Amino acid sequence: MFPFWGNTCWGSEPTSRRTYQERKLQFLKWMRDDLETRLAGLNAAIEAIERQLNREDTTA
């Protein structure tokens, strides 16, 4: 699941602990950004449905 962490087949040079941590940090930030994007989409969908329900309540 995690890309190239501790994978001896990836590249011929051993990676330092710092390089490993930097790569891990970059991946985790990418995951966070992706999740924030998905959450924003979900929040927008929820708000749209709530507005539709409120409109139906006021017209009924």
PDB file of N, CA and C in Angstrom:
ATOM      1  N   MET A   1       0.820  -1.185   0.000  1.00  0.00           N
ATOM      2  CA  MET A   1       0.000   0.000   0.000  1.00  0.00           C
ATOM      3  C   MET A   1       0.869   1.257   0.000  1.00  0.00           C
ATOM      4  N   PHE A   2       1.891   1.288   0.813  1.00  0.00           N
ATOM      5  CA  PHE A   2       2.725   2.469   0.879  1.00  0.00           C
ATOM      6  C   PHE A   2       3.818   2.366  -0.177  1.00  0.00           C
ATOM      7  N   PRO A   3       4.000   3.406  -0.940  1.00  0.00           N
ATOM      8  CA  PRO A   3       4.905   3.320  -2.088  1.00  0.00           C
ATOM      9  C   PRO A   3       6.378   3.323  -1.710  1.00  0.00           C
ATOM     10  N   PHE A   4       7.044   2.275  -2.042  1.00  0.00           N
ATOM     11  CA  PHE A   4       8.496   2.183  -2.025  1.00  0.00           C
ATOM     12  C   PHE A   4       9.118   2.379  -0.647  1.00  0.00           C
ATOM     13  N   TRP A   5       8.398   2.121   0.409  1.00  0.00           N
ATOM     14  CA  TRP A   5       8.964   2.271   1.746  1.00  0.00           C
ATOM     15  C   TRP A   5       9.655   0.979   2.130  1.00  0.00           C
ATOM     16  N   GLY A   6      10.938   1.039   2.261  1.00  0.00           N
ATOM     17  CA  GLY A   6      11.699  -0.130   2.660  1.00  0.00           C
ATOM     18  C   GLY A   6      11.774  -1.193   1.578  1.00  0.00           C
ATOM     19  N   ASN A   7      11.475  -0.816   0.359  1.00  0.00           N
ATOM     20  CA  ASN A   7      11.489  -1.758  -0.752  1.00  0.00           C
ATOM     21  C   ASN A   7      12.897  -1.816  -1.326  1.00  0.00           C
ATOM     22  N   THR A   8      13.566  -2.935  -1.144  1.00  0.00           N
ATOM     23  CA  THR A   8      14.939  -3.055  -1.623  1.00  0.00           C
ATOM     24  C   THR A   8      14.995  -3.218  -3.138  1.00  0.00           C
ATOM     25  N   CYS A   9      13.885  -3.550  -3.756  1.00  0.00           N
ATOM     26  CA  CYS A   9      13.858  -3.699  -5.208  1.00  0.00           C
ATOM     27  C   CYS A   9      13.780  -2.348  -5.909  1.00  0.00           C
ATOM     28  N   TRP A  10      13.392  -1.319  -5.202  1.00  0.00           N
ATOM     29  CA  TRP A  10      13.247  -0.004  -5.819  1.00  0.00           C
ATOM     30  C   TRP A  10      14.559   0.753  -5.696  1.00  0.00           C
ATOM     31  N   GLY A  11      15.219   0.959  -6.801  1.00  0.00           N
ATOM     32  CA  GLY A  11      16.495   1.671  -6.801  1.00  0.00           C
ATOM     33  C   GLY A  11      17.624   0.777  -6.321  1.00  0.00           C
ATOM     34  N   SER A  12      18.812   1.141  -6.680  1.00  0.00           N
ATOM     35  CA  SER A  12      19.950   0.295  -6.316  1.00  0.00           C
ATOM     36  C   SER A  12      20.668   0.801  -5.074  1.00  0.00           C
ATOM     37  N   GLU A  13      20.412   2.056  -4.683  1.00  0.00           N
ATOM     38  CA  GLU A  13      21.107   2.613  -3.530  1.00  0.00           C
ATOM     39  C   GLU A  13      20.229   2.516  -2.282  1.00  0.00           C
ATOM     40  N   PRO A  14      20.819   2.199  -1.159  1.00  0.00           N
ATOM     41  CA  PRO A  14      20.034   2.196   0.084  1.00  0.00           C
ATOM     42  C   PRO A  14      19.637   3.631   0.437  1.00  0.00           C
ATOM     43  N   THR A  15      18.461   3.776   0.998  1.00  0.00           N
ATOM     44  CA  THR A  15      17.996   5.111   1.350  1.00  0.00           C
ATOM     45  C   THR A  15      18.319   5.407   2.808  1.00  0.00           C
ATOM     46  N   SER A  16      18.647   6.646   3.056  1.00  0.00           N
ATOM     47  CA  SER A  16      18.931   7.057   4.425  1.00  0.00           C
ATOM     48  C   SER A  16      17.615   7.192   5.183  1.00  0.00           C
ATOM     49  N   ARG A  17      17.714   7.242   6.482  1.00  0.00           N
ATOM     50  CA  ARG A  17      16.516   7.406   7.313  1.00  0.00           C
ATOM     51  C   ARG A  17      15.818   8.719   6.979  1.00  0.00           C
ATOM     52  N   ARG A  18      16.591   9.778   6.757  1.00  0.00           N
ATOM     53  CA  ARG A  18      16.017  11.083   6.426  1.00  0.00           C
ATOM     54  C   ARG A  18      15.247  11.016   5.098  1.00  0.00           C
ATOM     55  N   THR A  19      15.834  10.385   4.100  1.00  0.00           N
ATOM     56  CA  THR A  19      15.165  10.249   2.802  1.00  0.00           C
ATOM     57  C   THR A  19      13.886   9.452   2.954  1.00  0.00           C
ATOM     58  N   TYR A  20      13.950   8.402   3.738  1.00  0.00           N
ATOM     59  CA  TYR A  20      12.766   7.578   4.005  1.00  0.00           C
ATOM     60  C   TYR A  20      11.665   8.409   4.660  1.00  0.00           C
ATOM     61  N   GLN A  21      12.030   9.194   5.677  1.00  0.00           N
ATOM     62  CA  GLN A  21      11.059  10.016   6.389  1.00  0.00           C
ATOM     63  C   GLN A  21      10.482  11.103   5.468  1.00  0.00           C
ATOM     64  N   GLU A  22      11.316  11.703   4.637  1.00  0.00           N
ATOM     65  CA  GLU A  22      10.838  12.737   3.711  1.00  0.00           C
ATOM     66  C   GLU A  22       9.855  12.153   2.707  1.00  0.00           C
ATOM     67  N   ARG A  23      10.166  10.972   2.203  1.00  0.00           N
ATOM     68  CA  ARG A  23       9.278  10.311   1.246  1.00  0.00           C
ATOM     69  C   ARG A  23       7.951   9.944   1.911  1.00  0.00           C
ATOM     70  N   LYS A  24       8.033   9.467   3.139  1.00  0.00           N
ATOM     71  CA  LYS A  24       6.836   9.115   3.896  1.00  0.00           C
ATOM     72  C   LYS A  24       5.986  10.359   4.164  1.00  0.00           C
ATOM     73  N   LEU A  25       6.631  11.467   4.553  1.00  0.00           N
ATOM     74  CA  LEU A  25       5.927  12.719   4.814  1.00  0.00           C
ATOM     75  C   LEU A  25       5.232  13.228   3.554  1.00  0.00           C
ATOM     76  N   GLN A  26       5.922  13.173   2.436  1.00  0.00           N
ATOM     77  CA  GLN A  26       5.339  13.616   1.168  1.00  0.00           C
ATOM     78  C   GLN A  26       4.102  12.779   0.826  1.00  0.00           C
ATOM     79  N   PHE A  27       4.187  11.482   1.010  1.00  0.00           N
ATOM     80  CA  PHE A  27       3.065  10.597   0.720  1.00  0.00           C
ATOM     81  C   PHE A  27       1.882  10.883   1.653  1.00  0.00           C
ATOM     82  N   LEU A  28       2.154  11.065   2.937  1.00  0.00           N
ATOM     83  CA  LEU A  28       1.084  11.331   3.892  1.00  0.00           C
ATOM     84  C   LEU A  28       0.406  12.672   3.615  1.00  0.00           C
ATOM     85  N   LYS A  29       1.173  13.670   3.209  1.00  0.00           N
ATOM     86  CA  LYS A  29       0.578  14.961   2.841  1.00  0.00           C
ATOM     87  C   LYS A  29      -0.300  14.808   1.606  1.00  0.00           C
ATOM     88  N   TRP A  30       0.148  14.006   0.654  1.00  0.00           N
ATOM     89  CA  TRP A  30      -0.659  13.758  -0.539  1.00  0.00           C
ATOM     90  C   TRP A  30      -1.968  13.079  -0.142  1.00  0.00           C
ATOM     91  N   MET A  31      -1.896  12.109   0.756  1.00  0.00           N
ATOM     92  CA  MET A  31      -3.106  11.427   1.223  1.00  0.00           C
ATOM     93  C   MET A  31      -4.052  12.409   1.904  1.00  0.00           C
ATOM     94  N   ARG A  32      -3.512  13.286   2.759  1.00  0.00           N
ATOM     95  CA  ARG A  32      -4.326  14.275   3.450  1.00  0.00           C
ATOM     96  C   ARG A  32      -5.019  15.205   2.455  1.00  0.00           C
ATOM     97  N   ASP A  33      -4.277  15.679   1.460  1.00  0.00           N
ATOM     98  CA  ASP A  33      -4.856  16.573   0.463  1.00  0.00           C
ATOM     99  C   ASP A  33      -5.973  15.871  -0.305  1.00  0.00           C
ATOM    100  N   ASP A  34      -5.773  14.608  -0.630  1.00  0.00           N
ATOM    101  CA  ASP A  34      -6.792  13.841  -1.341  1.00  0.00           C
ATOM    102  C   ASP A  34      -8.042  13.678  -0.477  1.00  0.00           C
ATOM    103  N   LEU A  35      -7.842  13.376   0.791  1.00  0.00           N
ATOM    104  CA  LEU A  35      -8.982  13.215   1.700  1.00  0.00           C
ATOM    105  C   LEU A  35      -9.722  14.535   1.904  1.00  0.00           C
ATOM    106  N   GLU A  36      -8.985  15.642   1.982  1.00  0.00           N
ATOM    107  CA  GLU A  36      -9.633  16.947   2.126  1.00  0.00           C
ATOM    108  C   GLU A  36     -10.490  17.255   0.904  1.00  0.00           C
ATOM    109  N   THR A  37     -10.015  16.897  -0.273  1.00  0.00           N
ATOM    110  CA  THR A  37     -10.778  17.113  -1.501  1.00  0.00           C
ATOM    111  C   THR A  37     -12.053  16.285  -1.484  1.00  0.00           C
ATOM    112  N   ARG A  38     -11.930  15.033  -1.092  1.00  0.00           N
ATOM    113  CA  ARG A  38     -13.115  14.164  -1.025  1.00  0.00           C
ATOM    114  C   ARG A  38     -14.113  14.663   0.012  1.00  0.00           C
ATOM    115  N   LEU A  39     -13.604  15.115   1.165  1.00  0.00           N
ATOM    116  CA  LEU A  39     -14.472  15.628   2.219  1.00  0.00           C
ATOM    117  C   LEU A  39     -15.212  16.886   1.757  1.00  0.00           C
ATOM    118  N   ALA A  40     -14.526  17.749   1.034  1.00  0.00           N
ATOM    119  CA  ALA A  40     -15.174  18.952   0.510  1.00  0.00           C
ATOM    120  C   ALA A  40     -16.305  18.569  -0.446  1.00  0.00           C
ATOM    121  N   GLY A  41     -16.097  17.561  -1.252  1.00  0.00           N
ATOM    122  CA  GLY A  41     -17.150  17.086  -2.160  1.00  0.00           C
ATOM    123  C   GLY A  41     -18.334  16.528  -1.399  1.00  0.00           C
ATOM    124  N   LEU A  42     -18.073  15.758  -0.376  1.00  0.00           N
ATOM    125  CA  LEU A  42     -19.153  15.207   0.442  1.00  0.00           C
ATOM    126  C   LEU A  42     -19.933  16.312   1.142  1.00  0.00           C
ATOM    127  N   ASN A  43     -19.221  17.284   1.692  1.00  0.00           N
ATOM    128  CA  ASN A  43     -19.889  18.390   2.358  1.00  0.00           C
ATOM    129  C   ASN A  43     -20.771  19.168   1.392  1.00  0.00           C
ATOM    130  N   ALA A  44     -20.307  19.374   0.175  1.00  0.00           N
ATOM    131  CA  ALA A  44     -21.108  20.083  -0.828  1.00  0.00           C
ATOM    132  C   ALA A  44     -22.364  19.287  -1.175  1.00  0.00           C
ATOM    133  N   ALA A  45     -22.230  17.975  -1.312  1.00  0.00           N
ATOM    134  CA  ALA A  45     -23.392  17.137  -1.626  1.00  0.00           C
ATOM    135  C   ALA A  45     -24.401  17.163  -0.481  1.00  0.00           C
ATOM    136  N   ILE A  46     -23.924  17.107   0.743  1.00  0.00           N
ATOM    137  CA  ILE A  46     -24.806  17.152   1.912  1.00  0.00           C
ATOM    138  C   ILE A  46     -25.552  18.480   1.956  1.00  0.00           C
ATOM    139  N   GLU A  47     -24.832  19.580   1.732  1.00  0.00           N
ATOM    140  CA  GLU A  47     -25.473  20.899   1.744  1.00  0.00           C
ATOM    141  C   GLU A  47     -26.531  21.021   0.655  1.00  0.00           C
ATOM    142  N   ALA A  48     -26.254  20.477  -0.517  1.00  0.00           N
ATOM    143  CA  ALA A  48     -27.219  20.547  -1.617  1.00  0.00           C
ATOM    144  C   ALA A  48     -28.496  19.791  -1.266  1.00  0.00           C
ATOM    145  N   ILE A  49     -28.355  18.621  -0.684  1.00  0.00           N
ATOM    146  CA  ILE A  49     -29.532  17.831  -0.306  1.00  0.00           C
ATOM    147  C   ILE A  49     -30.302  18.531   0.810  1.00  0.00           C
ATOM    148  N   GLU A  50     -29.585  19.099   1.781  1.00  0.00           N
ATOM    149  CA  GLU A  50     -30.263  19.824   2.858  1.00  0.00           C
ATOM    150  C   GLU A  50     -31.041  21.024   2.314  1.00  0.00           C
ATOM    151  N   ARG A  51     -30.469  21.743   1.344  1.00  0.00           N
ATOM    152  CA  ARG A  51     -31.183  22.871   0.729  1.00  0.00           C
ATOM    153  C   ARG A  51     -32.440  22.398   0.011  1.00  0.00           C
ATOM    154  N   GLN A  52     -32.319  21.268  -0.711  1.00  0.00           N
ATOM    155  CA  GLN A  52     -33.477  20.724  -1.420  1.00  0.00           C
ATOM    156  C   GLN A  52     -34.571  20.336  -0.438  1.00  0.00           C
ATOM    157  N   LEU A  53     -34.192  19.709   0.669  1.00  0.00           N
ATOM    158  CA  LEU A  53     -35.182  19.314   1.672  1.00  0.00           C
ATOM    159  C   LEU A  53     -35.848  20.541   2.298  1.00  0.00           C
ATOM    160  N   ASN A  54     -35.058  21.565   2.572  1.00  0.00           N
ATOM    161  CA  ASN A  54     -35.620  22.789   3.150  1.00  0.00           C
ATOM    162  C   ASN A  54     -36.580  23.472   2.166  1.00  0.00           C
ATOM    163  N   ARG A  55     -36.256  23.445   0.882  1.00  0.00           N
ATOM    164  CA  ARG A  55     -37.128  24.030  -0.125  1.00  0.00           C
ATOM    165  C   ARG A  55     -38.449  23.264  -0.197  1.00  0.00           C
ATOM    166  N   GLU A  56     -38.361  21.934  -0.109  1.00  0.00           N
ATOM    167  CA  GLU A  56     -39.576  21.115  -0.148  1.00  0.00           C
ATOM    168  C   GLU A  56     -40.443  21.376   1.072  1.00  0.00           C
ATOM    169  N   ASP A  57     -39.826  21.597   2.220  1.00  0.00           N
ATOM    170  CA  ASP A  57     -40.575  21.881   3.447  1.00  0.00           C
ATOM    171  C   ASP A  57     -41.313  23.203   3.346  1.00  0.00           C
ATOM    172  N   THR A  58     -40.704  24.182   2.721  1.00  0.00           N
ATOM    173  CA  THR A  58     -41.333  25.505   2.648  1.00  0.00           C
ATOM    174  C   THR A  58     -42.421  25.567   1.582  1.00  0.00           C
ATOM    175  N   THR A  59     -42.345  24.729   0.557  1.00  0.00           N
ATOM    176  CA  THR A  59     -43.364  24.726  -0.500  1.00  0.00           C
ATOM    177  C   THR A  59     -44.529  23.798  -0.168  1.00  0.00           C
ATOM    178  N   ALA A  60     -44.339  22.899   0.758  1.00  0.00           N
ATOM    179  CA  ALA A  60     -45.401  21.944   1.091  1.00  0.00           C
ATOM    180  C   ALA A  60     -46.399  22.466   2.074  1.00  0.00           C
TER     181      ALA A  60
END
